[in-house]
Amino acid sequence: MTAELLKLAGSIAAILFIAWLARFWRLGGDVRIQSEEQARDIAEETLCGFNPVDIAIDKAGIGALMRDDQGRHLLIRRHGVQWAGRLLDGHSESRLDQNFLTVGTGERTFGTITLNLGEQAQQWASGLRHLNNGQHKTGHTHA
């Protein structure tokens, strides 16, 4: 009986240690954009040299739209526990529904994302319409 209790205590201790280690390394959990500073860091990791002057973060933190001083638009979205980003161009698509803006890159593997941008949604939809009219030329990035 004592041997079984020791095994049980050892197993519980190992589970608690692994849980502590996962928390210490920030593994798993809920990956969301919490601030403009974090969005800037993600943009830099996604596309070196992209310096956003305007940032719109989804209210749930699942993605963001950014514009730099050259008029390029970068879409950031979660991809598992990491972030992926694409520059939007004339092949991108967008659809506005009140405070929600659905954005796609035209790239099947990246898919589309619906962002809750609140009152900013209409402004960003207008900016994306200009892209689709061919006013800016950009390419894709890879995360």
N, C-alpha and C. Protein backbone atom coordinates (compact mmCIF):
# COMPACT_ATOMS: atom_id res chain seq x y z
N MET A 1 0.82 -1.19 0.00
CA MET A 1 0.00 0.00 0.00
C MET A 1 0.87 1.26 0.00
N THR A 2 1.95 1.27 0.77
CA THR A 2 2.84 2.41 0.84
C THR A 2 3.50 2.67 -0.52
N ALA A 3 3.87 1.60 -1.21
CA ALA A 3 4.49 1.74 -2.53
C ALA A 3 3.52 2.38 -3.52
N GLU A 4 2.25 2.01 -3.45
CA GLU A 4 1.24 2.59 -4.35
C GLU A 4 1.03 4.07 -4.04
N LEU A 5 1.01 4.43 -2.77
CA LEU A 5 0.87 5.84 -2.40
C LEU A 5 2.06 6.66 -2.87
N LEU A 6 3.25 6.09 -2.78
CA LEU A 6 4.45 6.78 -3.27
C LEU A 6 4.39 6.97 -4.78
N LYS A 7 3.93 5.95 -5.50
CA LYS A 7 3.77 6.07 -6.96
C LYS A 7 2.76 7.17 -7.30
N LEU A 8 1.64 7.17 -6.58
CA LEU A 8 0.61 8.19 -6.82
C LEU A 8 1.15 9.58 -6.52
N ALA A 9 1.85 9.74 -5.41
CA ALA A 9 2.43 11.04 -5.06
C ALA A 9 3.46 11.47 -6.11
N GLY A 10 4.26 10.52 -6.57
CA GLY A 10 5.26 10.81 -7.61
C GLY A 10 4.60 11.25 -8.91
N SER A 11 3.53 10.58 -9.29
CA SER A 11 2.79 10.93 -10.51
C SER A 11 2.18 12.32 -10.40
N ILE A 12 1.58 12.63 -9.27
CA ILE A 12 0.98 13.96 -9.07
C ILE A 12 2.07 15.03 -9.10
N ALA A 13 3.20 14.77 -8.47
CA ALA A 13 4.31 15.73 -8.48
C ALA A 13 4.82 15.96 -9.90
N ALA A 14 4.91 14.90 -10.69
CA ALA A 14 5.38 15.03 -12.08
C ALA A 14 4.39 15.85 -12.91
N ILE A 15 3.11 15.60 -12.72
CA ILE A 15 2.08 16.37 -13.47
C ILE A 15 2.14 17.84 -13.09
N LEU A 16 2.25 18.12 -11.80
CA LEU A 16 2.34 19.52 -11.35
C LEU A 16 3.59 20.20 -11.89
N PHE A 17 4.70 19.47 -11.94
CA PHE A 17 5.94 20.04 -12.48
C PHE A 17 5.78 20.34 -13.96
N ILE A 18 5.19 19.44 -14.72
CA ILE A 18 5.00 19.66 -16.16
C ILE A 18 4.05 20.84 -16.38
N ALA A 19 3.00 20.95 -15.59
CA ALA A 19 2.08 22.09 -15.72
C ALA A 19 2.80 23.39 -15.41
N TRP A 20 3.62 23.41 -14.37
CA TRP A 20 4.39 24.61 -14.02
C TRP A 20 5.36 24.96 -15.14
N LEU A 21 6.04 23.97 -15.71
CA LEU A 21 7.00 24.19 -16.78
C LEU A 21 6.30 24.77 -18.02
N ALA A 22 5.13 24.24 -18.37
CA ALA A 22 4.37 24.74 -19.52
C ALA A 22 3.97 26.19 -19.29
N ARG A 23 3.54 26.52 -18.10
CA ARG A 23 3.16 27.90 -17.79
C ARG A 23 4.39 28.81 -17.82
N PHE A 24 5.52 28.34 -17.27
CA PHE A 24 6.75 29.11 -17.24
C PHE A 24 7.22 29.43 -18.66
N TRP A 25 7.12 28.46 -19.58
CA TRP A 25 7.53 28.66 -20.97
C TRP A 25 6.42 29.28 -21.82
N ARG A 26 5.29 29.55 -21.20
CA ARG A 26 4.13 30.13 -21.88
C ARG A 26 3.67 29.28 -23.06
N LEU A 27 3.62 28.00 -22.84
CA LEU A 27 3.15 27.08 -23.87
C LEU A 27 1.64 27.00 -23.82
N GLY A 28 1.04 26.76 -24.98
CA GLY A 28 -0.41 26.64 -25.03
C GLY A 28 -1.07 27.95 -24.70
N GLY A 29 -2.21 27.88 -24.10
CA GLY A 29 -2.89 29.10 -23.70
C GLY A 29 -3.58 29.78 -24.87
N ASP A 30 -4.08 30.95 -24.60
CA ASP A 30 -4.86 31.71 -25.55
C ASP A 30 -3.97 32.76 -26.20
N VAL A 31 -3.73 32.62 -27.49
CA VAL A 31 -2.85 33.54 -28.22
C VAL A 31 -3.71 34.65 -28.83
N ARG A 32 -3.54 35.86 -28.34
CA ARG A 32 -4.30 37.00 -28.84
C ARG A 32 -3.41 38.24 -28.86
N ILE A 33 -3.77 39.18 -29.73
CA ILE A 33 -3.06 40.46 -29.76
C ILE A 33 -3.63 41.31 -28.65
N GLN A 34 -2.78 41.71 -27.73
CA GLN A 34 -3.22 42.45 -26.56
C GLN A 34 -3.03 43.96 -26.68
N SER A 35 -2.12 44.41 -27.58
CA SER A 35 -1.80 45.84 -27.64
C SER A 35 -1.25 46.20 -29.02
N GLU A 36 -1.20 47.51 -29.28
CA GLU A 36 -0.60 47.98 -30.53
C GLU A 36 0.89 47.64 -30.56
N GLU A 37 1.54 47.70 -29.42
CA GLU A 37 2.97 47.37 -29.37
C GLU A 37 3.20 45.93 -29.79
N GLN A 38 2.37 45.03 -29.30
CA GLN A 38 2.48 43.62 -29.69
C GLN A 38 2.19 43.47 -31.18
N ALA A 39 1.19 44.19 -31.69
CA ALA A 39 0.87 44.13 -33.12
C ALA A 39 2.07 44.60 -33.95
N ARG A 40 2.74 45.65 -33.51
CA ARG A 40 3.94 46.14 -34.21
C ARG A 40 5.04 45.08 -34.23
N ASP A 41 5.23 44.41 -33.09
CA ASP A 41 6.24 43.34 -33.02
C ASP A 41 5.90 42.21 -33.98
N ILE A 42 4.63 41.84 -34.03
CA ILE A 42 4.20 40.77 -34.94
C ILE A 42 4.43 41.20 -36.39
N ALA A 43 4.11 42.46 -36.70
CA ALA A 43 4.33 42.97 -38.06
C ALA A 43 5.79 42.89 -38.44
N GLU A 44 6.67 43.28 -37.53
CA GLU A 44 8.11 43.25 -37.79
C GLU A 44 8.60 41.82 -38.01
N GLU A 45 8.08 40.87 -37.21
CA GLU A 45 8.45 39.46 -37.37
C GLU A 45 7.93 38.91 -38.69
N THR A 46 6.75 39.36 -39.09
CA THR A 46 6.12 38.86 -40.30
C THR A 46 6.74 39.44 -41.56
N LEU A 47 6.99 40.73 -41.53
CA LEU A 47 7.53 41.43 -42.70
C LEU A 47 8.56 42.45 -42.23
N CYS A 48 9.81 42.08 -42.32
CA CYS A 48 10.90 42.93 -41.86
C CYS A 48 10.80 44.31 -42.52
N GLY A 49 10.84 45.35 -41.68
CA GLY A 49 10.80 46.71 -42.18
C GLY A 49 9.42 47.31 -42.31
N PHE A 50 8.37 46.51 -42.07
CA PHE A 50 7.02 47.05 -42.13
C PHE A 50 6.78 47.83 -40.85
N ASN A 51 6.61 49.14 -40.97
CA ASN A 51 6.42 50.02 -39.82
C ASN A 51 5.03 50.64 -39.90
N PRO A 52 4.05 50.06 -39.18
CA PRO A 52 2.67 50.54 -39.30
C PRO A 52 2.48 51.95 -38.73
N VAL A 53 1.71 52.76 -39.46
CA VAL A 53 1.32 54.08 -38.96
C VAL A 53 -0.13 54.05 -38.48
N ASP A 54 -0.92 53.09 -38.96
CA ASP A 54 -2.30 52.87 -38.51
C ASP A 54 -2.47 51.40 -38.19
N ILE A 55 -3.11 51.13 -37.06
CA ILE A 55 -3.32 49.75 -36.63
C ILE A 55 -4.76 49.61 -36.15
N ALA A 56 -5.42 48.56 -36.62
CA ALA A 56 -6.76 48.21 -36.14
C ALA A 56 -6.70 46.76 -35.66
N ILE A 57 -6.94 46.57 -34.37
CA ILE A 57 -6.89 45.24 -33.78
C ILE A 57 -8.32 44.75 -33.56
N ASP A 58 -8.57 43.53 -33.97
CA ASP A 58 -9.87 42.91 -33.72
C ASP A 58 -10.17 42.95 -32.22
N LYS A 59 -11.42 43.21 -31.88
CA LYS A 59 -11.81 43.34 -30.48
C LYS A 59 -11.51 42.09 -29.66
N ALA A 60 -11.51 40.92 -30.30
CA ALA A 60 -11.17 39.68 -29.59
C ALA A 60 -9.67 39.37 -29.66
N GLY A 61 -8.91 40.16 -30.41
CA GLY A 61 -7.47 39.97 -30.50
C GLY A 61 -7.02 38.87 -31.43
N ILE A 62 -7.92 38.40 -32.31
CA ILE A 62 -7.57 37.27 -33.18
C ILE A 62 -6.85 37.70 -34.45
N GLY A 63 -6.78 38.99 -34.71
CA GLY A 63 -6.11 39.46 -35.91
C GLY A 63 -6.02 40.98 -35.91
N ALA A 64 -5.38 41.51 -36.95
CA ALA A 64 -5.22 42.95 -37.05
C ALA A 64 -4.98 43.35 -38.50
N LEU A 65 -5.35 44.59 -38.78
CA LEU A 65 -5.02 45.22 -40.06
C LEU A 65 -4.10 46.39 -39.77
N MET A 66 -3.08 46.54 -40.61
CA MET A 66 -2.13 47.63 -40.42
C MET A 66 -1.83 48.29 -41.76
N ARG A 67 -1.52 49.59 -41.69
CA ARG A 67 -1.13 50.33 -42.89
C ARG A 67 0.18 51.04 -42.57
N ASP A 68 1.13 51.01 -43.53
CA ASP A 68 2.38 51.72 -43.30
C ASP A 68 2.37 53.04 -44.06
N ASP A 69 3.45 53.81 -43.94
CA ASP A 69 3.49 55.14 -44.56
C ASP A 69 3.58 55.08 -46.08
N GLN A 70 3.77 53.89 -46.65
CA GLN A 70 3.78 53.72 -48.11
C GLN A 70 2.40 53.33 -48.64
N GLY A 71 1.44 53.19 -47.73
CA GLY A 71 0.08 52.82 -48.13
C GLY A 71 -0.13 51.33 -48.25
N ARG A 72 0.87 50.53 -47.85
CA ARG A 72 0.71 49.08 -47.90
C ARG A 72 -0.13 48.63 -46.71
N HIS A 73 -0.96 47.61 -46.93
CA HIS A 73 -1.82 47.06 -45.88
C HIS A 73 -1.36 45.64 -45.55
N LEU A 74 -1.19 45.38 -44.26
CA LEU A 74 -0.78 44.06 -43.80
C LEU A 74 -1.89 43.47 -42.95
N LEU A 75 -2.27 42.25 -43.27
CA LEU A 75 -3.27 41.51 -42.51
C LEU A 75 -2.55 40.47 -41.67
N ILE A 76 -2.82 40.49 -40.36
CA ILE A 76 -2.23 39.53 -39.43
C ILE A 76 -3.36 38.67 -38.87
N ARG A 77 -3.11 37.38 -38.80
CA ARG A 77 -4.09 36.47 -38.21
C ARG A 77 -3.38 35.33 -37.52
N ARG A 78 -4.09 34.72 -36.59
CA ARG A 78 -3.52 33.55 -35.91
C ARG A 78 -3.43 32.39 -36.87
N HIS A 79 -2.36 31.65 -36.69
CA HIS A 79 -2.19 30.40 -37.43
C HIS A 79 -1.72 29.39 -36.39
N GLY A 80 -2.66 28.71 -35.75
CA GLY A 80 -2.33 27.85 -34.62
C GLY A 80 -1.98 28.73 -33.44
N VAL A 81 -0.78 28.53 -32.88
CA VAL A 81 -0.32 29.36 -31.77
C VAL A 81 0.67 30.42 -32.25
N GLN A 82 0.83 30.54 -33.56
CA GLN A 82 1.72 31.54 -34.13
C GLN A 82 0.90 32.55 -34.91
N TRP A 83 1.59 33.52 -35.49
CA TRP A 83 0.94 34.55 -36.29
C TRP A 83 1.42 34.44 -37.73
N ALA A 84 0.52 34.70 -38.65
CA ALA A 84 0.86 34.75 -40.07
C ALA A 84 0.37 36.08 -40.60
N GLY A 85 1.05 36.59 -41.59
CA GLY A 85 0.66 37.87 -42.17
C GLY A 85 0.83 37.88 -43.66
N ARG A 86 0.03 38.68 -44.31
CA ARG A 86 0.12 38.86 -45.76
C ARG A 86 -0.10 40.33 -46.09
N LEU A 87 0.68 40.80 -47.04
CA LEU A 87 0.41 42.12 -47.60
C LEU A 87 -0.80 41.98 -48.50
N LEU A 88 -1.69 42.92 -48.42
CA LEU A 88 -2.90 42.88 -49.24
C LEU A 88 -2.65 43.64 -50.53
N ASP A 89 -3.20 43.12 -51.60
CA ASP A 89 -3.03 43.76 -52.91
C ASP A 89 -4.34 43.70 -53.67
N GLY A 90 -4.28 43.91 -54.96
CA GLY A 90 -5.48 43.92 -55.80
C GLY A 90 -6.23 42.60 -55.82
N HIS A 91 -5.58 41.53 -55.37
CA HIS A 91 -6.24 40.22 -55.33
C HIS A 91 -6.99 40.00 -54.02
N SER A 92 -6.83 40.91 -53.09
CA SER A 92 -7.50 40.75 -51.80
C SER A 92 -8.99 41.05 -51.96
N GLU A 93 -9.73 40.56 -51.00
CA GLU A 93 -11.18 40.77 -51.02
C GLU A 93 -11.60 41.24 -49.64
N SER A 94 -12.61 42.06 -49.60
CA SER A 94 -13.12 42.50 -48.31
C SER A 94 -14.63 42.71 -48.40
N ARG A 95 -15.27 42.49 -47.26
CA ARG A 95 -16.72 42.66 -47.18
C ARG A 95 -17.04 43.28 -45.82
N LEU A 96 -17.77 44.37 -45.84
CA LEU A 96 -18.13 45.10 -44.62
C LEU A 96 -19.55 44.72 -44.22
N ASP A 97 -19.72 44.41 -42.93
CA ASP A 97 -21.04 44.15 -42.36
C ASP A 97 -21.08 44.83 -41.00
N GLN A 98 -21.55 46.06 -40.99
CA GLN A 98 -21.60 46.91 -39.80
C GLN A 98 -20.20 47.06 -39.21
N ASN A 99 -19.92 46.50 -38.03
CA ASN A 99 -18.61 46.65 -37.39
C ASN A 99 -17.64 45.53 -37.75
N PHE A 100 -18.08 44.64 -38.61
CA PHE A 100 -17.28 43.47 -38.96
C PHE A 100 -16.75 43.61 -40.38
N LEU A 101 -15.44 43.37 -40.55
CA LEU A 101 -14.81 43.43 -41.85
C LEU A 101 -14.20 42.06 -42.13
N THR A 102 -14.68 41.43 -43.18
CA THR A 102 -14.14 40.14 -43.59
C THR A 102 -13.10 40.41 -44.67
N VAL A 103 -11.89 39.89 -44.46
CA VAL A 103 -10.78 40.16 -45.37
C VAL A 103 -10.17 38.85 -45.81
N GLY A 104 -9.91 38.75 -47.10
CA GLY A 104 -9.22 37.59 -47.66
C GLY A 104 -8.10 38.05 -48.56
N THR A 105 -7.10 37.22 -48.71
CA THR A 105 -5.94 37.57 -49.53
C THR A 105 -6.06 37.06 -50.96
N GLY A 106 -7.04 36.23 -51.21
CA GLY A 106 -7.12 35.56 -52.51
C GLY A 106 -6.25 34.32 -52.52
N GLU A 107 -5.58 34.07 -51.41
CA GLU A 107 -4.72 32.90 -51.27
C GLU A 107 -5.48 31.85 -50.46
N ARG A 108 -5.77 30.72 -51.08
CA ARG A 108 -6.59 29.71 -50.43
C ARG A 108 -6.02 29.21 -49.10
N THR A 109 -4.71 29.05 -49.03
CA THR A 109 -4.12 28.51 -47.81
C THR A 109 -4.17 29.50 -46.65
N PHE A 110 -4.23 30.79 -46.93
CA PHE A 110 -4.32 31.79 -45.86
C PHE A 110 -5.76 32.00 -45.44
N GLY A 111 -6.66 31.83 -46.36
CA GLY A 111 -8.09 31.93 -46.07
C GLY A 111 -8.56 33.36 -45.82
N THR A 112 -9.73 33.47 -45.23
CA THR A 112 -10.30 34.77 -44.90
C THR A 112 -10.44 34.85 -43.38
N ILE A 113 -10.59 36.06 -42.90
CA ILE A 113 -10.80 36.29 -41.47
C ILE A 113 -11.79 37.42 -41.31
N THR A 114 -12.68 37.29 -40.36
CA THR A 114 -13.63 38.35 -40.05
C THR A 114 -13.17 39.04 -38.77
N LEU A 115 -12.90 40.33 -38.89
CA LEU A 115 -12.40 41.13 -37.78
C LEU A 115 -13.50 42.05 -37.27
N ASN A 116 -13.66 42.10 -35.97
CA ASN A 116 -14.58 43.05 -35.35
C ASN A 116 -13.76 44.30 -35.06
N LEU A 117 -13.87 45.30 -35.92
CA LEU A 117 -13.09 46.53 -35.79
C LEU A 117 -13.90 47.68 -35.23
N GLY A 118 -15.13 47.39 -34.83
CA GLY A 118 -15.97 48.45 -34.26
C GLY A 118 -16.22 49.55 -35.27
N GLU A 119 -16.18 50.79 -34.80
CA GLU A 119 -16.44 51.94 -35.66
C GLU A 119 -15.38 52.14 -36.72
N GLN A 120 -14.20 51.54 -36.55
CA GLN A 120 -13.11 51.67 -37.53
C GLN A 120 -13.33 50.82 -38.78
N ALA A 121 -14.26 49.89 -38.72
CA ALA A 121 -14.44 48.94 -39.82
C ALA A 121 -14.72 49.63 -41.15
N GLN A 122 -15.56 50.64 -41.15
CA GLN A 122 -15.91 51.33 -42.40
C GLN A 122 -14.69 52.03 -42.99
N GLN A 123 -13.89 52.67 -42.15
CA GLN A 123 -12.70 53.37 -42.62
C GLN A 123 -11.71 52.39 -43.26
N TRP A 124 -11.50 51.24 -42.62
CA TRP A 124 -10.58 50.25 -43.15
C TRP A 124 -11.12 49.62 -44.43
N ALA A 125 -12.44 49.41 -44.50
CA ALA A 125 -13.04 48.87 -45.72
C ALA A 125 -12.81 49.81 -46.89
N SER A 126 -12.94 51.10 -46.63
CA SER A 126 -12.70 52.10 -47.67
C SER A 126 -11.25 52.05 -48.15
N GLY A 127 -10.31 51.93 -47.22
CA GLY A 127 -8.90 51.84 -47.59
C GLY A 127 -8.60 50.61 -48.41
N LEU A 128 -9.25 49.50 -48.09
CA LEU A 128 -9.03 48.27 -48.86
C LEU A 128 -9.65 48.36 -50.24
N ARG A 129 -10.73 49.11 -50.40
CA ARG A 129 -11.32 49.29 -51.73
C ARG A 129 -10.33 49.99 -52.66
N HIS A 130 -9.55 50.93 -52.12
CA HIS A 130 -8.53 51.61 -52.92
C HIS A 130 -7.47 50.63 -53.41
N LEU A 131 -7.14 49.64 -52.59
CA LEU A 131 -6.18 48.62 -53.02
C LEU A 131 -6.73 47.85 -54.21
N ASN A 132 -8.00 47.51 -54.12
CA ASN A 132 -8.62 46.71 -55.18
C ASN A 132 -8.81 47.51 -56.46
N ASN A 133 -8.73 48.83 -56.37
CA ASN A 133 -8.80 49.67 -57.56
C ASN A 133 -7.44 49.82 -58.21
N GLY A 134 -6.41 49.11 -57.66
CA GLY A 134 -5.10 49.11 -58.28
C GLY A 134 -4.23 50.30 -57.94
N GLN A 135 -4.50 50.98 -56.84
CA GLN A 135 -3.69 52.15 -56.51
C GLN A 135 -2.38 51.78 -55.84
N HIS A 136 -2.26 50.58 -55.28
CA HIS A 136 -1.02 50.16 -54.62
C HIS A 136 -0.64 48.79 -55.15
N LYS A 137 0.66 48.56 -55.35
CA LYS A 137 1.14 47.25 -55.75
C LYS A 137 2.00 46.70 -54.62
N THR A 138 1.68 45.49 -54.21
CA THR A 138 2.44 44.85 -53.14
C THR A 138 2.52 43.36 -53.44
N GLY A 139 3.27 42.66 -52.64
CA GLY A 139 3.38 41.21 -52.78
C GLY A 139 2.99 40.53 -51.50
N HIS A 140 3.21 39.23 -51.46
CA HIS A 140 2.86 38.45 -50.28
C HIS A 140 4.08 38.28 -49.41
N THR A 141 3.88 38.11 -48.12
CA THR A 141 4.95 37.78 -47.19
C THR A 141 4.71 36.39 -46.67
N HIS A 142 5.69 35.84 -46.07
CA HIS A 142 5.55 34.50 -45.47
C HIS A 142 5.97 34.56 -44.03
N ALA A 143 5.13 34.02 -43.17
CA ALA A 143 5.43 34.03 -41.72
C ALA A 143 6.30 32.85 -41.37
